[in-house]
Amino acid sequence: DRHIKIIATTTGETLRDLHLDPTRNYQPQNTTNPTP
């Protein structure tokens, strides 16, 4: 749905984890690291 997770294929590291907000023209960067 609106939840997106981007993962590095070589390391399995989560590069970006976000929930899209359709009311915004851009999606802000998370300032904290997501927990595994």
PDB file of all heavy atoms in Angstrom:
ATOM      1  N   ASP A   1       0.850  -1.182   0.000  1.00  0.00           N
ATOM      2  CA  ASP A   1       0.000   0.000   0.000  1.00  0.00           C
ATOM      3  C   ASP A   1       0.895   1.244   0.000  1.00  0.00           C
ATOM      4  O   ASP A   1       1.609   1.457  -0.963  1.00  0.00           O
ATOM      5  CB  ASP A   1      -0.969  -0.030   1.176  1.00  0.00           C
ATOM      6  CG  ASP A   1      -2.107   0.964   1.018  1.00  0.00           C
ATOM      7  OD1 ASP A   1      -2.487   1.243  -0.141  1.00  0.00           O
ATOM      8  OD2 ASP A   1      -2.608   1.478   2.034  1.00  0.00           O
ATOM      9  N   ARG A   2       0.931   2.031   1.058  1.00  0.00           N
ATOM     10  CA  ARG A   2       1.771   3.240   1.093  1.00  0.00           C
ATOM     11  C   ARG A   2       3.046   3.051   1.896  1.00  0.00           C
ATOM     12  O   ARG A   2       3.805   3.990   2.083  1.00  0.00           O
ATOM     13  CB  ARG A   2       0.973   4.413   1.647  1.00  0.00           C
ATOM     14  CG  ARG A   2      -0.118   4.834   0.712  1.00  0.00           C
ATOM     15  CD  ARG A   2      -0.755   6.115   1.177  1.00  0.00           C
ATOM     16  NE  ARG A   2      -1.802   6.491   0.261  1.00  0.00           N
ATOM     17  CZ  ARG A   2      -3.001   6.886   0.629  1.00  0.00           C
ATOM     18  NH1 ARG A   2      -3.283   6.987   1.904  1.00  0.00           N
ATOM     19  NH2 ARG A   2      -3.897   7.190  -0.260  1.00  0.00           N
ATOM     20  N   HIS A   3       3.285   1.859   2.400  1.00  0.00           N
ATOM     21  CA  HIS A   3       4.505   1.581   3.151  1.00  0.00           C
ATOM     22  C   HIS A   3       5.559   1.059   2.184  1.00  0.00           C
ATOM     23  O   HIS A   3       5.320   0.107   1.455  1.00  0.00           O
ATOM     24  CB  HIS A   3       4.229   0.545   4.243  1.00  0.00           C
ATOM     25  CG  HIS A   3       5.421   0.246   5.080  1.00  0.00           C
ATOM     26  ND1 HIS A   3       5.671  -0.993   5.580  1.00  0.00           N
ATOM     27  CD2 HIS A   3       6.440   1.021   5.509  1.00  0.00           C
ATOM     28  CE1 HIS A   3       6.774  -0.974   6.277  1.00  0.00           C
ATOM     29  NE2 HIS A   3       7.266   0.244   6.249  1.00  0.00           N
ATOM     30  N   ILE A   4       6.738   1.692   2.170  1.00  0.00           N
ATOM     31  CA  ILE A   4       7.817   1.328   1.251  1.00  0.00           C
ATOM     32  C   ILE A   4       9.084   1.093   2.052  1.00  0.00           C
ATOM     33  O   ILE A   4       9.425   1.868   2.946  1.00  0.00           O
ATOM     34  CB  ILE A   4       8.058   2.439   0.212  1.00  0.00           C
ATOM     35  CG1 ILE A   4       6.808   2.624  -0.637  1.00  0.00           C
ATOM     36  CG2 ILE A   4       9.264   2.118  -0.663  1.00  0.00           C
ATOM     37  CD1 ILE A   4       6.871   3.790  -1.576  1.00  0.00           C
ATOM     38  N   LYS A   5       9.784   0.008   1.729  1.00  0.00           N
ATOM     39  CA  LYS A   5      11.062  -0.290   2.359  1.00  0.00           C
ATOM     40  C   LYS A   5      12.059  -0.583   1.250  1.00  0.00           C
ATOM     41  O   LYS A   5      11.781  -1.378   0.359  1.00  0.00           O
ATOM     42  CB  LYS A   5      10.943  -1.491   3.284  1.00  0.00           C
ATOM     43  CG  LYS A   5      12.214  -1.798   4.034  1.00  0.00           C
ATOM     44  CD  LYS A   5      12.032  -2.949   4.981  1.00  0.00           C
ATOM     45  CE  LYS A   5      11.563  -2.395   6.301  1.00  0.00           C
ATOM     46  NZ  LYS A   5      11.667  -3.381   7.391  1.00  0.00           N
ATOM     47  N   ILE A   6      13.217   0.075   1.283  1.00  0.00           N
ATOM     48  CA  ILE A   6      14.278  -0.137   0.300  1.00  0.00           C
ATOM     49  C   ILE A   6      15.434  -0.814   1.010  1.00  0.00           C
ATOM     50  O   ILE A   6      15.919  -0.331   2.040  1.00  0.00           O
ATOM     51  CB  ILE A   6      14.709   1.188  -0.347  1.00  0.00           C
ATOM     52  CG1 ILE A   6      13.500   1.824  -1.043  1.00  0.00           C
ATOM     53  CG2 ILE A   6      15.848   0.960  -1.328  1.00  0.00           C
ATOM     54  CD1 ILE A   6      13.722   3.193  -1.575  1.00  0.00           C
ATOM     55  N   ILE A   7      15.867  -1.950   0.443  1.00  0.00           N
ATOM     56  CA  ILE A   7      16.877  -2.786   1.081  1.00  0.00           C
ATOM     57  C   ILE A   7      18.043  -2.999   0.127  1.00  0.00           C
ATOM     58  O   ILE A   7      17.841  -3.243  -1.065  1.00  0.00           O
ATOM     59  CB  ILE A   7      16.272  -4.152   1.460  1.00  0.00           C
ATOM     60  CG1 ILE A   7      15.099  -3.942   2.413  1.00  0.00           C
ATOM     61  CG2 ILE A   7      17.306  -5.068   2.074  1.00  0.00           C
ATOM     62  CD1 ILE A   7      14.302  -5.193   2.682  1.00  0.00           C
ATOM     63  N   ALA A   8      19.276  -2.923   0.637  1.00  0.00           N
ATOM     64  CA  ALA A   8      20.480  -3.213  -0.145  1.00  0.00           C
ATOM     65  C   ALA A   8      20.554  -4.719  -0.357  1.00  0.00           C
ATOM     66  O   ALA A   8      20.459  -5.488   0.605  1.00  0.00           O
ATOM     67  CB  ALA A   8      21.721  -2.716   0.570  1.00  0.00           C
ATOM     68  N   THR A   9      20.726  -5.158  -1.600  1.00  0.00           N
ATOM     69  CA  THR A   9      20.742  -6.592  -1.888  1.00  0.00           C
ATOM     70  C   THR A   9      22.014  -7.268  -1.399  1.00  0.00           C
ATOM     71  O   THR A   9      21.982  -8.444  -1.046  1.00  0.00           O
ATOM     72  CB  THR A   9      20.586  -6.849  -3.399  1.00  0.00           C
ATOM     73  OG1 THR A   9      21.565  -6.107  -4.103  1.00  0.00           O
ATOM     74  CG2 THR A   9      19.214  -6.462  -3.874  1.00  0.00           C
ATOM     75  N   THR A  10      23.125  -6.570  -1.364  1.00  0.00           N
ATOM     76  CA  THR A  10      24.389  -7.206  -0.977  1.00  0.00           C
ATOM     77  C   THR A  10      24.530  -7.368   0.539  1.00  0.00           C
ATOM     78  O   THR A  10      25.094  -8.351   0.997  1.00  0.00           O
ATOM     79  CB  THR A  10      25.589  -6.399  -1.500  1.00  0.00           C
ATOM     80  OG1 THR A  10      25.477  -5.060  -1.039  1.00  0.00           O
ATOM     81  CG2 THR A  10      25.632  -6.433  -3.013  1.00  0.00           C
ATOM     82  N   THR A  11      23.993  -6.418   1.318  1.00  0.00           N
ATOM     83  CA  THR A  11      24.186  -6.459   2.769  1.00  0.00           C
ATOM     84  C   THR A  11      22.897  -6.733   3.544  1.00  0.00           C
ATOM     85  O   THR A  11      22.960  -7.084   4.713  1.00  0.00           O
ATOM     86  CB  THR A  11      24.756  -5.120   3.268  1.00  0.00           C
ATOM     87  OG1 THR A  11      23.803  -4.091   2.988  1.00  0.00           O
ATOM     88  CG2 THR A  11      26.084  -4.814   2.623  1.00  0.00           C
ATOM     89  N   GLY A  12      21.748  -6.534   2.924  1.00  0.00           N
ATOM     90  CA  GLY A  12      20.477  -6.693   3.623  1.00  0.00           C
ATOM     91  C   GLY A  12      20.126  -5.496   4.480  1.00  0.00           C
ATOM     92  O   GLY A  12      19.133  -5.506   5.208  1.00  0.00           O
ATOM     93  N   GLU A  13      20.930  -4.429   4.389  1.00  0.00           N
ATOM     94  CA  GLU A  13      20.702  -3.223   5.182  1.00  0.00           C
ATOM     95  C   GLU A  13      19.479  -2.477   4.669  1.00  0.00           C
ATOM     96  O   GLU A  13      19.279  -2.331   3.471  1.00  0.00           O
ATOM     97  CB  GLU A  13      21.934  -2.333   5.086  1.00  0.00           C
ATOM     98  CG  GLU A  13      21.783  -1.002   5.775  1.00  0.00           C
ATOM     99  CD  GLU A  13      22.962  -0.091   5.510  1.00  0.00           C
ATOM    100  OE1 GLU A  13      23.832  -0.427   4.694  1.00  0.00           O
ATOM    101  OE2 GLU A  13      22.993   0.982   6.129  1.00  0.00           O
ATOM    102  N   THR A  14      18.648  -1.983   5.598  1.00  0.00           N
ATOM    103  CA  THR A  14      17.510  -1.145   5.229  1.00  0.00           C
ATOM    104  C   THR A  14      18.024   0.252   4.921  1.00  0.00           C
ATOM    105  O   THR A  14      18.597   0.918   5.786  1.00  0.00           O
ATOM    106  CB  THR A  14      16.478  -1.084   6.371  1.00  0.00           C
ATOM    107  OG1 THR A  14      15.991  -2.405   6.613  1.00  0.00           O
ATOM    108  CG2 THR A  14      15.312  -0.179   6.007  1.00  0.00           C
ATOM    109  N   LEU A  15      17.837   0.685   3.680  1.00  0.00           N
ATOM    110  CA  LEU A  15      18.299   2.004   3.267  1.00  0.00           C
ATOM    111  C   LEU A  15      17.256   3.083   3.530  1.00  0.00           C
ATOM    112  O   LEU A  15      17.591   4.223   3.842  1.00  0.00           O
ATOM    113  CB  LEU A  15      18.669   1.981   1.785  1.00  0.00           C
ATOM    114  CG  LEU A  15      19.745   0.979   1.380  1.00  0.00           C
ATOM    115  CD1 LEU A  15      19.938   0.992  -0.119  1.00  0.00           C
ATOM    116  CD2 LEU A  15      21.046   1.267   2.105  1.00  0.00           C
ATOM    117  N   ARG A  16      15.985   2.726   3.374  1.00  0.00           N
ATOM    118  CA  ARG A  16      14.906   3.692   3.579  1.00  0.00           C
ATOM    119  C   ARG A  16      13.649   2.944   3.958  1.00  0.00           C
ATOM    120  O   ARG A  16      13.337   1.904   3.390  1.00  0.00           O
ATOM    121  CB  ARG A  16      14.700   4.492   2.291  1.00  0.00           C
ATOM    122  CG  ARG A  16      13.688   5.612   2.370  1.00  0.00           C
ATOM    123  CD  ARG A  16      14.369   6.950   2.519  1.00  0.00           C
ATOM    124  NE  ARG A  16      13.401   7.981   2.848  1.00  0.00           N
ATOM    125  CZ  ARG A  16      13.017   8.943   2.020  1.00  0.00           C
ATOM    126  NH1 ARG A  16      13.530   9.019   0.821  1.00  0.00           N
ATOM    127  NH2 ARG A  16      12.146   9.836   2.405  1.00  0.00           N
ATOM    128  N   ASP A  17      12.932   3.435   4.933  1.00  0.00           N
ATOM    129  CA  ASP A  17      11.687   2.843   5.388  1.00  0.00           C
ATOM    130  C   ASP A  17      10.710   3.991   5.607  1.00  0.00           C
ATOM    131  O   ASP A  17      10.943   4.832   6.467  1.00  0.00           O
ATOM    132  CB  ASP A  17      11.934   2.065   6.678  1.00  0.00           C
ATOM    133  CG  ASP A  17      10.740   1.225   7.087  1.00  0.00           C
ATOM    134  OD1 ASP A  17       9.768   1.123   6.317  1.00  0.00           O
ATOM    135  OD2 ASP A  17      10.788   0.676   8.183  1.00  0.00           O
ATOM    136  N   LEU A  18       9.663   4.071   4.804  1.00  0.00           N
ATOM    137  CA  LEU A  18       8.772   5.218   4.907  1.00  0.00           C
ATOM    138  C   LEU A  18       7.341   4.865   4.593  1.00  0.00           C
ATOM    139  O   LEU A  18       7.046   3.836   3.984  1.00  0.00           O
ATOM    140  CB  LEU A  18       9.236   6.336   3.975  1.00  0.00           C
ATOM    141  CG  LEU A  18       9.205   6.027   2.477  1.00  0.00           C
ATOM    142  CD1 LEU A  18       8.138   6.853   1.803  1.00  0.00           C
ATOM    143  CD2 LEU A  18      10.551   6.325   1.871  1.00  0.00           C
ATOM    144  N   HIS A  19       6.454   5.733   5.021  1.00  0.00           N
ATOM    145  CA  HIS A  19       5.037   5.671   4.680  1.00  0.00           C
ATOM    146  C   HIS A  19       4.754   6.898   3.822  1.00  0.00           C
ATOM    147  O   HIS A  19       4.967   8.023   4.269  1.00  0.00           O
ATOM    148  CB  HIS A  19       4.162   5.705   5.936  1.00  0.00           C
ATOM    149  CG  HIS A  19       4.288   4.473   6.769  1.00  0.00           C
ATOM    150  ND1 HIS A  19       3.505   3.369   6.562  1.00  0.00           N
ATOM    151  CD2 HIS A  19       5.118   4.159   7.781  1.00  0.00           C
ATOM    152  CE1 HIS A  19       3.841   2.439   7.420  1.00  0.00           C
ATOM    153  NE2 HIS A  19       4.830   2.897   8.179  1.00  0.00           N
ATOM    154  N   LEU A  20       4.295   6.683   2.606  1.00  0.00           N
ATOM    155  CA  LEU A  20       4.016   7.801   1.714  1.00  0.00           C
ATOM    156  C   LEU A  20       2.833   8.611   2.219  1.00  0.00           C
ATOM    157  O   LEU A  20       1.826   8.060   2.650  1.00  0.00           O
ATOM    158  CB  LEU A  20       3.714   7.304   0.307  1.00  0.00           C
ATOM    159  CG  LEU A  20       4.885   6.782  -0.484  1.00  0.00           C
ATOM    160  CD1 LEU A  20       4.411   6.318  -1.859  1.00  0.00           C
ATOM    161  CD2 LEU A  20       5.958   7.827  -0.645  1.00  0.00           C
ATOM    162  N   ASP A  21       2.964   9.910   2.151  1.00  0.00           N
ATOM    163  CA  ASP A  21       1.900  10.831   2.525  1.00  0.00           C
ATOM    164  C   ASP A  21       1.409  11.495   1.238  1.00  0.00           C
ATOM    165  O   ASP A  21       2.097  12.349   0.676  1.00  0.00           O
ATOM    166  CB  ASP A  21       2.444  11.867   3.507  1.00  0.00           C
ATOM    167  CG  ASP A  21       1.381  12.839   3.990  1.00  0.00           C
ATOM    168  OD1 ASP A  21       0.237  12.784   3.493  1.00  0.00           O
ATOM    169  OD2 ASP A  21       1.703  13.656   4.854  1.00  0.00           O
ATOM    170  N   PRO A  22       0.229  11.135   0.744  1.00  0.00           N
ATOM    171  CA  PRO A  22      -0.253  11.672  -0.533  1.00  0.00           C
ATOM    172  C   PRO A  22      -0.566  13.165  -0.501  1.00  0.00           C
ATOM    173  O   PRO A  22      -0.753  13.783  -1.540  1.00  0.00           O
ATOM    174  CB  PRO A  22      -1.508  10.857  -0.828  1.00  0.00           C
ATOM    175  CG  PRO A  22      -1.950  10.336   0.486  1.00  0.00           C
ATOM    176  CD  PRO A  22      -0.713  10.188   1.326  1.00  0.00           C
ATOM    177  N   THR A  23      -0.578  13.774   0.685  1.00  0.00           N
ATOM    178  CA  THR A  23      -0.841  15.207   0.772  1.00  0.00           C
ATOM    179  C   THR A  23       0.414  16.045   0.566  1.00  0.00           C
ATOM    180  O   THR A  23       0.343  17.259   0.520  1.00  0.00           O
ATOM    181  CB  THR A  23      -1.464  15.571   2.135  1.00  0.00           C
ATOM    182  OG1 THR A  23      -0.533  15.268   3.178  1.00  0.00           O
ATOM    183  CG2 THR A  23      -2.757  14.797   2.360  1.00  0.00           C
ATOM    184  N   ARG A  24       1.590  15.396   0.437  1.00  0.00           N
ATOM    185  CA  ARG A  24       2.855  16.111   0.252  1.00  0.00           C
ATOM    186  C   ARG A  24       3.389  15.904  -1.152  1.00  0.00           C
ATOM    187  O   ARG A  24       3.212  14.847  -1.736  1.00  0.00           O
ATOM    188  CB  ARG A  24       3.909  15.610   1.238  1.00  0.00           C
ATOM    189  CG  ARG A  24       3.579  15.921   2.657  1.00  0.00           C
ATOM    190  CD  ARG A  24       4.666  15.377   3.547  1.00  0.00           C
ATOM    191  NE  ARG A  24       4.449  15.808   4.902  1.00  0.00           N
ATOM    192  CZ  ARG A  24       5.385  16.339   5.650  1.00  0.00           C
ATOM    193  NH1 ARG A  24       6.594  16.497   5.192  1.00  0.00           N
ATOM    194  NH2 ARG A  24       5.116  16.714   6.872  1.00  0.00           N
ATOM    195  N   ASN A  25       4.117  16.896  -1.652  1.00  0.00           N
ATOM    196  CA  ASN A  25       4.783  16.778  -2.945  1.00  0.00           C
ATOM    197  C   ASN A  25       6.139  16.100  -2.811  1.00  0.00           C
ATOM    198  O   ASN A  25       6.744  15.723  -3.789  1.00  0.00           O
ATOM    199  CB  ASN A  25       4.972  18.146  -3.592  1.00  0.00           C
ATOM    200  CG  ASN A  25       3.650  18.717  -4.059  1.00  0.00           C
ATOM    201  OD1 ASN A  25       2.737  17.980  -4.379  1.00  0.00           O
ATOM    202  ND2 ASN A  25       3.556  20.030  -4.080  1.00  0.00           N
ATOM    203  N   TYR A  26       6.644  15.999  -1.598  1.00  0.00           N
ATOM    204  CA  TYR A  26       7.931  15.351  -1.336  1.00  0.00           C
ATOM    205  C   TYR A  26       7.788  14.542  -0.056  1.00  0.00           C
ATOM    206  O   TYR A  26       6.880  14.770   0.734  1.00  0.00           O
ATOM    207  CB  TYR A  26       9.048  16.382  -1.188  1.00  0.00           C
ATOM    208  CG  TYR A  26       8.896  17.227   0.056  1.00  0.00           C
ATOM    209  CD1 TYR A  26       9.545  16.884   1.234  1.00  0.00           C
ATOM    210  CD2 TYR A  26       8.088  18.352   0.070  1.00  0.00           C
ATOM    211  CE1 TYR A  26       9.386  17.628   2.384  1.00  0.00           C
ATOM    212  CE2 TYR A  26       7.922  19.105   1.219  1.00  0.00           C
ATOM    213  CZ  TYR A  26       8.581  18.747   2.363  1.00  0.00           C
ATOM    214  OH  TYR A  26       8.416  19.475   3.499  1.00  0.00           O
ATOM    215  N   GLN A  27       8.678  13.594   0.149  1.00  0.00           N
ATOM    216  CA  GLN A  27       8.662  12.773   1.354  1.00  0.00           C
ATOM    217  C   GLN A  27       9.913  13.101   2.159  1.00  0.00           C
ATOM    218  O   GLN A  27      11.022  12.944   1.673  1.00  0.00           O
ATOM    219  CB  GLN A  27       8.640  11.285   0.987  1.00  0.00           C
ATOM    220  CG  GLN A  27       7.461  10.884   0.126  1.00  0.00           C
ATOM    221  CD  GLN A  27       6.110  11.181   0.758  1.00  0.00           C
ATOM    222  OE1 GLN A  27       5.873  10.869   1.915  1.00  0.00           O
ATOM    223  NE2 GLN A  27       5.215  11.784  -0.007  1.00  0.00           N
ATOM    224  N   PRO A  28       9.754  13.595   3.386  1.00  0.00           N
ATOM    225  CA  PRO A  28      10.921  13.991   4.179  1.00  0.00           C
ATOM    226  C   PRO A  28      11.776  12.792   4.566  1.00  0.00           C
ATOM    227  O   PRO A  28      11.286  11.673   4.696  1.00  0.00           O
ATOM    228  CB  PRO A  28      10.304  14.644   5.410  1.00  0.00           C
ATOM    229  CG  PRO A  28       8.936  14.084   5.498  1.00  0.00           C
ATOM    230  CD  PRO A  28       8.506  13.771   4.097  1.00  0.00           C
ATOM    231  N   GLN A  29      13.064  13.048   4.751  1.00  0.00           N
ATOM    232  CA  GLN A  29      13.998  12.022   5.214  1.00  0.00           C
ATOM    233  C   GLN A  29      13.725  11.739   6.682  1.00  0.00           C
ATOM    234  O   GLN A  29      13.441  12.635   7.458  1.00  0.00           O
ATOM    235  CB  GLN A  29      15.449  12.510   5.073  1.00  0.00           C
ATOM    236  CG  GLN A  29      15.918  12.626   3.669  1.00  0.00           C
ATOM    237  CD  GLN A  29      16.354  11.271   3.101  1.00  0.00           C
ATOM    238  OE1 GLN A  29      16.257  10.245   3.743  1.00  0.00           O
ATOM    239  NE2 GLN A  29      16.845  11.309   1.890  1.00  0.00           N
ATOM    240  N   ASN A  30      13.839  10.466   7.053  1.00  0.00           N
ATOM    241  CA  ASN A  30      13.753  10.113   8.476  1.00  0.00           C
ATOM    242  C   ASN A  30      15.055  10.546   9.137  1.00  0.00           C
ATOM    243  O   ASN A  30      16.118  10.320   8.633  1.00  0.00           O
ATOM    244  CB  ASN A  30      13.567   8.616   8.653  1.00  0.00           C
ATOM    245  CG  ASN A  30      12.231   8.136   8.123  1.00  0.00           C
ATOM    246  OD1 ASN A  30      11.329   8.929   7.914  1.00  0.00           O
ATOM    247  ND2 ASN A  30      12.118   6.852   7.896  1.00  0.00           N
ATOM    248  N   THR A  31      14.948  11.156  10.315  1.00  0.00           N
ATOM    249  CA  THR A  31      16.149  11.589  11.015  1.00  0.00           C
ATOM    250  C   THR A  31      16.677  10.509  11.948  1.00  0.00           C
ATOM    251  O   THR A  31      17.789  10.586  12.419  1.00  0.00           O
ATOM    252  CB  THR A  31      15.894  12.868  11.808  1.00  0.00           C
ATOM    253  OG1 THR A  31      14.800  12.630  12.701  1.00  0.00           O
ATOM    254  CG2 THR A  31      15.553  14.029  10.885  1.00  0.00           C
ATOM    255  N   THR A  32      15.871   9.469  12.210  1.00  0.00           N
ATOM    256  CA  THR A  32      16.318   8.367  13.054  1.00  0.00           C
ATOM    257  C   THR A  32      16.417   7.118  12.220  1.00  0.00           C
ATOM    258  O   THR A  32      15.717   6.948  11.220  1.00  0.00           O
ATOM    259  CB  THR A  32      15.341   8.132  14.211  1.00  0.00           C
ATOM    260  OG1 THR A  32      14.060   7.820  13.670  1.00  0.00           O
ATOM    261  CG2 THR A  32      15.222   9.348  15.115  1.00  0.00           C
ATOM    262  N   ASN A  33      17.299   6.208  12.628  1.00  0.00           N
ATOM    263  CA  ASN A  33      17.434   4.947  11.919  1.00  0.00           C
ATOM    264  C   ASN A  33      16.275   4.033  12.275  1.00  0.00           C
ATOM    265  O   ASN A  33      15.894   3.950  13.445  1.00  0.00           O
ATOM    266  CB  ASN A  33      18.747   4.263  12.298  1.00  0.00           C
ATOM    267  CG  ASN A  33      19.941   5.025  11.775  1.00  0.00           C
ATOM    268  OD1 ASN A  33      19.847   5.726  10.785  1.00  0.00           O
ATOM    269  ND2 ASN A  33      21.058   4.886  12.452  1.00  0.00           N
ATOM    270  N   PRO A  34      15.714   3.324  11.297  1.00  0.00           N
ATOM    271  CA  PRO A  34      14.635   2.386  11.610  1.00  0.00           C
ATOM    272  C   PRO A  34      15.164   1.201  12.416  1.00  0.00           C
ATOM    273  O   PRO A  34      16.304   0.796  12.257  1.00  0.00           O
ATOM    274  CB  PRO A  34      14.127   1.939  10.248  1.00  0.00           C
ATOM    275  CG  PRO A  34      15.236   2.227   9.314  1.00  0.00           C
ATOM    276  CD  PRO A  34      16.020   3.361   9.903  1.00  0.00           C
ATOM    277  N   THR A  35      14.345   0.681  13.298  1.00  0.00           N
ATOM    278  CA  THR A  35      14.760  -0.485  14.080  1.00  0.00           C
ATOM    279  C   THR A  35      14.531  -1.747  13.270  1.00  0.00           C
ATOM    280  O   THR A  35      13.558  -1.833  12.530  1.00  0.00           O
ATOM    281  CB  THR A  35      13.966  -0.554  15.397  1.00  0.00           C
ATOM    282  OG1 THR A  35      12.582  -0.564  15.091  1.00  0.00           O
ATOM    283  CG2 THR A  35      14.288   0.602  16.316  1.00  0.00           C
ATOM    284  N   PRO A  36      15.415  -2.716  13.399  1.00  0.00           N
ATOM    285  CA  PRO A  36      15.254  -3.957  12.608  1.00  0.00           C
ATOM    286  C   PRO A  36      14.098  -4.815  13.066  1.00  0.00           C
ATOM    287  O   PRO A  36      13.551  -4.715  14.068  1.00  0.00           O
ATOM    288  CB  PRO A  36      16.571  -4.692  12.821  1.00  0.00           C
ATOM    289  CG  PRO A  36      17.337  -3.964  13.854  1.00  0.00           C
ATOM    290  CD  PRO A  36      16.623  -2.695  14.144  1.00  0.00           C
TER     291      PRO A  36
END
